[in-house]
Amino acid sequence: MEFRLFIFWRIRPAALLLPSKNQNMANHKATKKDMRQATKRRERNRYYGKTTRNAVRELRATEDKAAAGEKLPNVISMIDKLAKKGVIHKNKASNLKSKLTKKIKATA
C-alpha cells in the first residue's frame, strides 16, 4: 500500500475567504450606508479609545503629584465620554477613575 501526501493547493485558507474591509457585501442602498456609518464609527471609537488609553498611561507614569492632579480631571472627562458613547462599559469607566484617583492620592 502506497502512502500519498495530498497537497490541497486549490483550497484557500479561511482567512483569505473572508471579505476585506473595503469590499461591500450589502445589496441594498440603506445597508450600504449603514456599513459606511459603522466603519466611520468604528474608526472614531478606536481613535478616541486609543487616545484615552495613552492619556491614562501617561498619567500613571507621572511622578509629580501636582502635575498628575492637573491631568486627572482631563483624563476622567475622556473616560466619561467613552462610557457615555458606549465605547467602554460604565463600570469599567468607574473602576478606571477609582484606581487612577487612588494612585494619584498615594503618590508622595
C-alpha atoms as a PDB file:
ATOM      1  CA  MET A   1       0.000   0.000   0.000  1.00  0.00           C
ATOM      2  CA  GLU A   2       1.397   3.305  -1.024  1.00  0.00           C
ATOM      3  CA  PHE A   3       1.014   6.451   1.086  1.00  0.00           C
ATOM      4  CA  ARG A   4       0.457   9.627  -0.840  1.00  0.00           C
ATOM      5  CA  LEU A   5       0.664  13.114   0.511  1.00  0.00           C
ATOM      6  CA  PHE A   6      -2.094  15.200  -0.947  1.00  0.00           C
ATOM      7  CA  ILE A   7      -1.473  18.879  -1.235  1.00  0.00           C
ATOM      8  CA  PHE A   8      -4.650  20.859  -1.383  1.00  0.00           C
ATOM      9  CA  TRP A   9      -3.254  23.833  -3.200  1.00  0.00           C
ATOM     10  CA  ARG A  10      -6.648  24.809  -4.543  1.00  0.00           C
ATOM     11  CA  ILE A  11      -8.198  25.249  -1.126  1.00  0.00           C
ATOM     12  CA  ARG A  12      -7.561  28.690   0.273  1.00  0.00           C
ATOM     13  CA  PRO A  13      -7.051  29.322   3.982  1.00  0.00           C
ATOM     14  CA  ALA A  14     -10.108  30.555   5.849  1.00  0.00           C
ATOM     15  CA  ALA A  15      -8.542  33.991   6.348  1.00  0.00           C
ATOM     16  CA  LEU A  16      -8.396  34.536   2.612  1.00  0.00           C
ATOM     17  CA  LEU A  17     -12.040  33.610   2.163  1.00  0.00           C
ATOM     18  CA  LEU A  18     -13.238  36.394   4.436  1.00  0.00           C
ATOM     19  CA  PRO A  19     -14.177  39.643   2.711  1.00  0.00           C
ATOM     20  CA  SER A  20     -11.767  42.516   3.041  1.00  0.00           C
ATOM     21  CA  LYS A  21     -12.826  45.688   4.845  1.00  0.00           C
ATOM     22  CA  ASN A  22     -13.151  47.578   1.578  1.00  0.00           C
ATOM     23  CA  GLN A  23     -15.444  45.042  -0.038  1.00  0.00           C
ATOM     24  CA  ASN A  24     -19.160  45.835   0.157  1.00  0.00           C
ATOM     25  CA  MET A  25     -21.302  42.787   0.883  1.00  0.00           C
ATOM     26  CA  ALA A  26     -24.548  44.736   1.097  1.00  0.00           C
ATOM     27  CA  ASN A  27     -27.176  44.600  -1.615  1.00  0.00           C
ATOM     28  CA  HIS A  28     -29.453  47.427  -0.520  1.00  0.00           C
ATOM     29  CA  LYS A  29     -28.770  51.115  -0.559  1.00  0.00           C
ATOM     30  CA  ALA A  30     -29.659  51.592   3.112  1.00  0.00           C
ATOM     31  CA  THR A  31     -27.477  48.648   4.163  1.00  0.00           C
ATOM     32  CA  LYS A  32     -24.511  50.049   2.247  1.00  0.00           C
ATOM     33  CA  LYS A  33     -24.981  53.366   4.014  1.00  0.00           C
ATOM     34  CA  ASP A  34     -25.223  51.573   7.370  1.00  0.00           C
ATOM     35  CA  MET A  35     -21.931  49.809   6.640  1.00  0.00           C
ATOM     36  CA  ARG A  36     -20.275  53.126   5.804  1.00  0.00           C
ATOM     37  CA  GLN A  37     -21.585  54.669   9.022  1.00  0.00           C
ATOM     38  CA  ALA A  38     -20.478  51.683  11.087  1.00  0.00           C
ATOM     39  CA  THR A  39     -16.992  51.917   9.590  1.00  0.00           C
ATOM     40  CA  LYS A  40     -16.763  55.612  10.446  1.00  0.00           C
ATOM     41  CA  ARG A  41     -17.975  54.987  13.996  1.00  0.00           C
ATOM     42  CA  ARG A  42     -15.582  52.078  14.469  1.00  0.00           C
ATOM     43  CA  GLU A  43     -12.596  54.175  13.360  1.00  0.00           C
ATOM     44  CA  ARG A  44     -13.676  57.089  15.560  1.00  0.00           C
ATOM     45  CA  ASN A  45     -14.167  54.820  18.577  1.00  0.00           C
ATOM     46  CA  ARG A  46     -10.762  53.211  18.032  1.00  0.00           C
ATOM     47  CA  TYR A  47      -9.109  56.628  17.835  1.00  0.00           C
ATOM     48  CA  TYR A  48     -10.716  58.013  20.992  1.00  0.00           C
ATOM     49  CA  GLY A  49     -10.193  54.744  22.870  1.00  0.00           C
ATOM     50  CA  LYS A  50      -6.503  54.666  21.990  1.00  0.00           C
ATOM     51  CA  THR A  51      -6.070  58.351  22.825  1.00  0.00           C
ATOM     52  CA  THR A  52      -7.665  57.805  26.230  1.00  0.00           C
ATOM     53  CA  ARG A  53      -5.528  54.733  26.933  1.00  0.00           C
ATOM     54  CA  ASN A  54      -2.409  56.747  26.111  1.00  0.00           C
ATOM     55  CA  ALA A  55      -3.540  59.549  28.425  1.00  0.00           C
ATOM     56  CA  VAL A  56      -4.146  57.045  31.238  1.00  0.00           C
ATOM     57  CA  ARG A  57      -0.699  55.523  30.650  1.00  0.00           C
ATOM     58  CA  GLU A  58       0.946  58.964  30.800  1.00  0.00           C
ATOM     59  CA  LEU A  59      -0.965  59.825  33.969  1.00  0.00           C
ATOM     60  CA  ARG A  60       0.162  56.607  35.665  1.00  0.00           C
ATOM     61  CA  ALA A  61       3.767  57.307  34.663  1.00  0.00           C
ATOM     62  CA  THR A  62       3.695  60.826  36.132  1.00  0.00           C
ATOM     63  CA  GLU A  63       5.691  61.004  39.360  1.00  0.00           C
ATOM     64  CA  ASP A  64       4.886  64.614  40.278  1.00  0.00           C
ATOM     65  CA  LYS A  65       1.705  64.820  42.351  1.00  0.00           C
ATOM     66  CA  ALA A  66       0.883  68.388  41.288  1.00  0.00           C
ATOM     67  CA  ALA A  67       1.219  67.606  37.574  1.00  0.00           C
ATOM     68  CA  ALA A  68      -0.807  64.423  37.964  1.00  0.00           C
ATOM     69  CA  GLY A  69      -3.504  66.356  39.844  1.00  0.00           C
ATOM     70  CA  GLU A  70      -3.789  68.776  36.940  1.00  0.00           C
ATOM     71  CA  LYS A  71      -4.051  65.979  34.364  1.00  0.00           C
ATOM     72  CA  LEU A  72      -6.551  63.883  36.323  1.00  0.00           C
ATOM     73  CA  PRO A  73      -9.745  65.895  35.542  1.00  0.00           C
ATOM     74  CA  ASN A  74      -8.980  65.817  31.808  1.00  0.00           C
ATOM     75  CA  VAL A  75      -8.401  62.061  31.811  1.00  0.00           C
ATOM     76  CA  ILE A  76     -11.540  61.454  33.873  1.00  0.00           C
ATOM     77  CA  SER A  77     -13.501  63.548  31.382  1.00  0.00           C
ATOM     78  CA  MET A  78     -12.132  61.457  28.498  1.00  0.00           C
ATOM     79  CA  ILE A  79     -13.090  58.232  30.290  1.00  0.00           C
ATOM     80  CA  ASP A  80     -16.601  59.559  30.996  1.00  0.00           C
ATOM     81  CA  LYS A  81     -17.089  60.450  27.329  1.00  0.00           C
ATOM     82  CA  LEU A  82     -16.084  56.941  26.261  1.00  0.00           C
ATOM     83  CA  ALA A  83     -18.568  55.429  28.706  1.00  0.00           C
ATOM     84  CA  LYS A  84     -21.313  57.821  27.609  1.00  0.00           C
ATOM     85  CA  LYS A  85     -20.851  56.853  23.955  1.00  0.00           C
ATOM     86  CA  GLY A  86     -20.740  53.155  24.813  1.00  0.00           C
ATOM     87  CA  VAL A  87     -17.155  52.581  23.746  1.00  0.00           C
ATOM     88  CA  ILE A  88     -16.374  51.183  27.194  1.00  0.00           C
ATOM     89  CA  HIS A  89     -18.742  49.901  29.864  1.00  0.00           C
ATOM     90  CA  LYS A  90     -19.781  52.331  32.607  1.00  0.00           C
ATOM     91  CA  ASN A  91     -18.431  50.009  35.306  1.00  0.00           C
ATOM     92  CA  LYS A  92     -15.055  49.834  33.586  1.00  0.00           C
ATOM     93  CA  ALA A  93     -15.006  53.619  33.449  1.00  0.00           C
ATOM     94  CA  SER A  94     -15.834  53.794  37.140  1.00  0.00           C
ATOM     95  CA  ASN A  95     -13.092  51.295  38.013  1.00  0.00           C
ATOM     96  CA  LEU A  96     -10.534  53.191  35.929  1.00  0.00           C
ATOM     97  CA  LYS A  97     -11.401  56.519  37.549  1.00  0.00           C
ATOM     98  CA  SER A  98     -11.294  54.997  41.022  1.00  0.00           C
ATOM     99  CA  LYS A  99      -7.904  53.350  40.507  1.00  0.00           C
ATOM    100  CA  LEU A 100      -6.408  56.487  38.958  1.00  0.00           C
ATOM    101  CA  THR A 101      -7.657  58.665  41.811  1.00  0.00           C
ATOM    102  CA  LYS A 102      -6.275  56.240  44.395  1.00  0.00           C
ATOM    103  CA  LYS A 103      -2.895  56.171  42.641  1.00  0.00           C
ATOM    104  CA  ILE A 104      -2.699  59.959  42.445  1.00  0.00           C
ATOM    105  CA  LYS A 105      -3.533  60.337  46.146  1.00  0.00           C
ATOM    106  CA  ALA A 106      -0.960  57.682  47.079  1.00  0.00           C
ATOM    107  CA  THR A 107       1.911  59.395  45.247  1.00  0.00           C
ATOM    108  CA  ALA A 108       4.100  61.412  47.555  1.00  0.00           C
END
